[in-house]
PDB file of N, CA and C in Angstrom:
ATOM      1  N   UNK A   1      20.677  29.560 -16.681  1.00  0.00           N
ATOM      2  CA  UNK A   1      20.540  28.833 -15.438  1.00  0.00           C
ATOM      3  C   UNK A   1      20.080  29.774 -14.328  1.00  0.00           C
ATOM      4  N   UNK A   2      19.233  29.262 -13.480  1.00  0.00           N
ATOM      5  CA  UNK A   2      18.700  30.063 -12.384  1.00  0.00           C
ATOM      6  C   UNK A   2      19.656  30.133 -11.199  1.00  0.00           C
ATOM      7  N   UNK A   3      20.365  29.056 -10.954  1.00  0.00           N
ATOM      8  CA  UNK A   3      21.209  28.988  -9.763  1.00  0.00           C
ATOM      9  C   UNK A   3      22.598  29.553 -10.048  1.00  0.00           C
ATOM     10  N   UNK A   4      23.059  30.390  -9.170  1.00  0.00           N
ATOM     11  CA  UNK A   4      24.418  30.915  -9.273  1.00  0.00           C
ATOM     12  C   UNK A   4      25.290  30.134  -8.307  1.00  0.00           C
ATOM     13  N   UNK A   5      26.577  29.987  -8.592  1.00  0.00           N
ATOM     14  CA  UNK A   5      27.445  29.139  -7.762  1.00  0.00           C
ATOM     15  C   UNK A   5      27.489  29.505  -6.287  1.00  0.00           C
ATOM     16  N   UNK A   6      27.430  30.755  -5.924  1.00  0.00           N
ATOM     17  CA  UNK A   6      27.558  31.147  -4.529  1.00  0.00           C
ATOM     18  C   UNK A   6      26.249  31.265  -3.777  1.00  0.00           C
ATOM     19  N   UNK A   7      25.144  30.981  -4.433  1.00  0.00           N
ATOM     20  CA  UNK A   7      23.824  31.156  -3.827  1.00  0.00           C
ATOM     21  C   UNK A   7      23.518  30.017  -2.843  1.00  0.00           C
ATOM     22  N   UNK A   8      23.136  30.339  -1.614  1.00  0.00           N
ATOM     23  CA  UNK A   8      22.807  29.274  -0.657  1.00  0.00           C
ATOM     24  C   UNK A   8      21.525  28.547  -1.060  1.00  0.00           C
ATOM     25  N   UNK A   9      21.455  27.292  -0.684  1.00  0.00           N
ATOM     26  CA  UNK A   9      20.274  26.487  -0.995  1.00  0.00           C
ATOM     27  C   UNK A   9      19.087  26.903  -0.147  1.00  0.00           C
ATOM     28  N   UNK A  10      17.930  26.582  -0.649  1.00  0.00           N
ATOM     29  CA  UNK A  10      16.690  26.851   0.081  1.00  0.00           C
ATOM     30  C   UNK A  10      16.604  25.892   1.264  1.00  0.00           C
ATOM     31  N   UNK A  11      16.200  26.383   2.429  1.00  0.00           N
ATOM     32  CA  UNK A  11      16.111  25.554   3.639  1.00  0.00           C
ATOM     33  C   UNK A  11      15.096  24.418   3.491  1.00  0.00           C
ATOM     34  N   UNK A  12      14.078  24.608   2.674  1.00  0.00           N
ATOM     35  CA  UNK A  12      13.049  23.579   2.517  1.00  0.00           C
ATOM     36  C   UNK A  12      13.600  22.347   1.800  1.00  0.00           C
ATOM     37  N   UNK A  13      14.599  22.508   0.960  1.00  0.00           N
ATOM     38  CA  UNK A  13      15.135  21.375   0.217  1.00  0.00           C
ATOM     39  C   UNK A  13      16.270  20.674   0.945  1.00  0.00           C
ATOM     40  N   UNK A  14      16.902  21.341   1.901  1.00  0.00           N
ATOM     41  CA  UNK A  14      18.023  20.755   2.626  1.00  0.00           C
ATOM     42  C   UNK A  14      17.630  20.516   4.074  1.00  0.00           C
ATOM     43  N   UNK A  15      17.565  19.246   4.494  1.00  0.00           N
ATOM     44  CA  UNK A  15      17.194  18.989   5.893  1.00  0.00           C
ATOM     45  C   UNK A  15      18.304  19.453   6.833  1.00  0.00           C
ATOM     46  N   UNK A  16      17.911  19.894   7.991  1.00  0.00           N
ATOM     47  CA  UNK A  16      18.888  20.363   8.970  1.00  0.00           C
ATOM     48  C   UNK A  16      19.646  19.166   9.554  1.00  0.00           C
ATOM     49  N   UNK A  17      20.706  19.465  10.257  1.00  0.00           N
ATOM     50  CA  UNK A  17      21.523  18.415  10.872  1.00  0.00           C
ATOM     51  C   UNK A  17      20.687  17.602  11.851  1.00  0.00           C
ATOM     52  N   UNK A  18      19.865  18.284  12.633  1.00  0.00           N
ATOM     53  CA  UNK A  18      19.022  17.587  13.597  1.00  0.00           C
ATOM     54  C   UNK A  18      18.050  16.637  12.895  1.00  0.00           C
ATOM     55  N   UNK A  19      17.486  17.090  11.769  1.00  0.00           N
ATOM     56  CA  UNK A  19      16.560  16.231  11.025  1.00  0.00           C
ATOM     57  C   UNK A  19      17.275  14.996  10.482  1.00  0.00           C
ATOM     58  N   UNK A  20      18.492  15.182   9.979  1.00  0.00           N
ATOM     59  CA  UNK A  20      19.261  14.034   9.460  1.00  0.00           C
ATOM     60  C   UNK A  20      19.609  13.067  10.578  1.00  0.00           C
ATOM     61  N   UNK A  21      20.021  13.607  11.728  1.00  0.00           N
ATOM     62  CA  UNK A  21      20.363  12.746  12.862  1.00  0.00           C
ATOM     63  C   UNK A  21      19.147  11.979  13.365  1.00  0.00           C
ATOM     64  N   UNK A  22      18.009  12.652  13.418  1.00  0.00           N
ATOM     65  CA  UNK A  22      16.781  12.011  13.879  1.00  0.00           C
ATOM     66  C   UNK A  22      16.385  10.876  12.935  1.00  0.00           C
ATOM     67  N   UNK A  23      16.504  11.104  11.630  1.00  0.00           N
ATOM     68  CA  UNK A  23      16.170  10.076  10.650  1.00  0.00           C
ATOM     69  C   UNK A  23      17.137   8.896  10.744  1.00  0.00           C
ATOM     70  N   UNK A  24      18.418   9.188  10.937  1.00  0.00           N
ATOM     71  CA  UNK A  24      19.412   8.120  11.062  1.00  0.00           C
ATOM     72  C   UNK A  24      19.165   7.301  12.324  1.00  0.00           C
ATOM     73  N   UNK A  25      18.836   7.964  13.423  1.00  0.00           N
ATOM     74  CA  UNK A  25      18.556   7.263  14.669  1.00  0.00           C
ATOM     75  C   UNK A  25      17.342   6.351  14.517  1.00  0.00           C
ATOM     76  N   UNK A  26      16.312   6.857  13.864  1.00  0.00           N
ATOM     77  CA  UNK A  26      15.105   6.060  13.654  1.00  0.00           C
ATOM     78  C   UNK A  26      15.413   4.820  12.809  1.00  0.00           C
ATOM     79  N   UNK A  27      16.208   4.989  11.762  1.00  0.00           N
ATOM     80  CA  UNK A  27      16.573   3.863  10.907  1.00  0.00           C
ATOM     81  C   UNK A  27      17.417   2.842  11.675  1.00  0.00           C
ATOM     82  N   UNK A  28      18.362   3.329  12.484  1.00  0.00           N
ATOM     83  CA  UNK A  28      19.206   2.425  13.274  1.00  0.00           C
ATOM     84  C   UNK A  28      18.387   1.656  14.295  1.00  0.00           C
ATOM     85  N   UNK A  29      17.457   2.326  14.948  1.00  0.00           N
ATOM     86  CA  UNK A  29      16.616   1.645  15.937  1.00  0.00           C
ATOM     87  C   UNK A  29      15.746   0.586  15.276  1.00  0.00           C
ATOM     88  N   UNK A  30      15.227   0.892  14.102  1.00  0.00           N
ATOM     89  CA  UNK A  30      14.407  -0.097  13.383  1.00  0.00           C
ATOM     90  C   UNK A  30      15.253  -1.306  12.993  1.00  0.00           C
ATOM     91  N   UNK A  31      16.482  -1.067  12.549  1.00  0.00           N
ATOM     92  CA  UNK A  31      17.364  -2.172  12.175  1.00  0.00           C
ATOM     93  C   UNK A  31      17.708  -3.024  13.386  1.00  0.00           C
ATOM     94  N   UNK A  32      18.019  -2.378  14.503  1.00  0.00           N
ATOM     95  CA  UNK A  32      18.364  -3.118  15.722  1.00  0.00           C
ATOM     96  C   UNK A  32      17.174  -3.913  16.243  1.00  0.00           C
ATOM     97  N   UNK A  33      15.980  -3.342  16.124  1.00  0.00           N
ATOM     98  CA  UNK A  33      14.778  -4.049  16.550  1.00  0.00           C
ATOM     99  C   UNK A  33      14.585  -5.301  15.694  1.00  0.00           C
ATOM    100  N   UNK A  34      14.822  -5.186  14.410  1.00  0.00           N
ATOM    101  CA  UNK A  34      14.723  -6.339  13.520  1.00  0.00           C
ATOM    102  C   UNK A  34      15.756  -7.403  13.838  1.00  0.00           C
ATOM    103  N   UNK A  35      16.971  -6.977  14.169  1.00  0.00           N
ATOM    104  CA  UNK A  35      18.013  -7.929  14.527  1.00  0.00           C
ATOM    105  C   UNK A  35      17.663  -8.655  15.825  1.00  0.00           C
ATOM    106  N   UNK A  36      17.132  -7.939  16.793  1.00  0.00           N
ATOM    107  CA  UNK A  36      16.741  -8.547  18.065  1.00  0.00           C
ATOM    108  C   UNK A  36      15.614  -9.556  17.837  1.00  0.00           C
ATOM    109  N   UNK A  37      14.683  -9.201  16.989  1.00  0.00           N
ATOM    110  CA  UNK A  37      13.574 -10.113  16.668  1.00  0.00           C
ATOM    111  C   UNK A  37      14.112 -11.390  16.027  1.00  0.00           C
ATOM    112  N   UNK A  38      15.051 -11.257  15.107  1.00  0.00           N
ATOM    113  CA  UNK A  38      15.630 -12.422  14.438  1.00  0.00           C
ATOM    114  C   UNK A  38      16.374 -13.304  15.437  1.00  0.00           C
ATOM    115  N   UNK A  39      17.088 -12.681  16.381  1.00  0.00           N
ATOM    116  CA  UNK A  39      17.789 -13.473  17.402  1.00  0.00           C
ATOM    117  C   UNK A  39      16.803 -14.226  18.279  1.00  0.00           C
ATOM    118  N   UNK A  40      15.717 -13.574  18.684  1.00  0.00           N
ATOM    119  CA  UNK A  40      14.707 -14.243  19.512  1.00  0.00           C
ATOM    120  C   UNK A  40      14.098 -15.426  18.768  1.00  0.00           C
ATOM    121  N   UNK A  41      13.787 -15.219  17.488  1.00  0.00           N
ATOM    122  CA  UNK A  41      13.202 -16.298  16.694  1.00  0.00           C
ATOM    123  C   UNK A  41      14.185 -17.457  16.537  1.00  0.00           C
ATOM    124  N   UNK A  42      15.464 -17.147  16.331  1.00  0.00           N
ATOM    125  CA  UNK A  42      16.482 -18.182  16.189  1.00  0.00           C
ATOM    126  C   UNK A  42      16.641 -18.953  17.499  1.00  0.00           C
ATOM    127  N   UNK A  43      16.565 -18.254  18.616  1.00  0.00           N
ATOM    128  CA  UNK A  43      16.678 -18.919  19.919  1.00  0.00           C
ATOM    129  C   UNK A  43      15.490 -19.853  20.153  1.00  0.00           C
ATOM    130  N   UNK A  44      14.316 -19.439  19.751  1.00  0.00           N
ATOM    131  CA  UNK A  44      13.136 -20.287  19.921  1.00  0.00           C
ATOM    132  C   UNK A  44      13.259 -21.558  19.099  1.00  0.00           C
ATOM    133  N   UNK A  45      13.741 -21.438  17.875  1.00  0.00           N
ATOM    134  CA  UNK A  45      13.915 -22.607  17.009  1.00  0.00           C
ATOM    135  C   UNK A  45      14.966 -23.535  17.599  1.00  0.00           C
ATOM    136  N   UNK A  46      16.059 -22.975  18.113  1.00  0.00           N
ATOM    137  CA  UNK A  46      17.121 -23.769  18.726  1.00  0.00           C
ATOM    138  C   UNK A  46      16.601 -24.467  19.986  1.00  0.00           C
ATOM    139  N   UNK A  47      15.785 -23.790  20.770  1.00  0.00           N
ATOM    140  CA  UNK A  47      15.235 -24.388  21.986  1.00  0.00           C
ATOM    141  C   UNK A  47      14.307 -25.548  21.642  1.00  0.00           C
ATOM    142  N   UNK A  48      13.491 -25.411  20.622  1.00  0.00           N
ATOM    143  CA  UNK A  48      12.608 -26.500  20.215  1.00  0.00           C
ATOM    144  C   UNK A  48      13.414 -27.703  19.756  1.00  0.00           C
ATOM    145  N   UNK A  49      14.509 -27.472  19.061  1.00  0.00           N
ATOM    146  CA  UNK A  49      15.359 -28.564  18.582  1.00  0.00           C
ATOM    147  C   UNK A  49      15.990 -29.321  19.740  1.00  0.00           C
ATOM    148  N   UNK A  50      16.361 -28.663  20.816  1.00  0.00           N
ATOM    149  CA  UNK A  50      16.958 -29.308  21.969  1.00  0.00           C
ATOM    150  C   UNK A  50      15.933 -30.090  22.763  1.00  0.00           C
ATOM    151  N   UNK A  51      14.695 -29.628  22.800  1.00  0.00           N
ATOM    152  CA  UNK A  51      13.652 -30.312  23.561  1.00  0.00           C
ATOM    153  C   UNK A  51      13.272 -31.654  22.923  1.00  0.00           C
ATOM    154  N   UNK A  52      13.387 -31.743  21.617  1.00  0.00           N
ATOM    155  CA  UNK A  52      12.978 -32.955  20.907  1.00  0.00           C
ATOM    156  C   UNK A  52      13.992 -34.093  21.060  1.00  0.00           C
ATOM    157  N   UNK A  53      15.223 -33.778  21.442  1.00  0.00           N
ATOM    158  CA  UNK A  53      16.256 -34.807  21.539  1.00  0.00           C
ATOM    159  C   UNK A  53      16.104 -35.680  22.729  1.00  0.00           C
TER     160      UNK A  53
END
């Protein structure tokens, strides 16, 4: 085996904390944007239903 138990990992294979946080923030913002879009679409459908009555 090439890897020894105490050998630190290569920096290229392990993302830094900042990189992980940035990726998590981007994913959360995309999810929230999708949720907001779904709420807007649901409100539009509900508004159309009330206008027809």
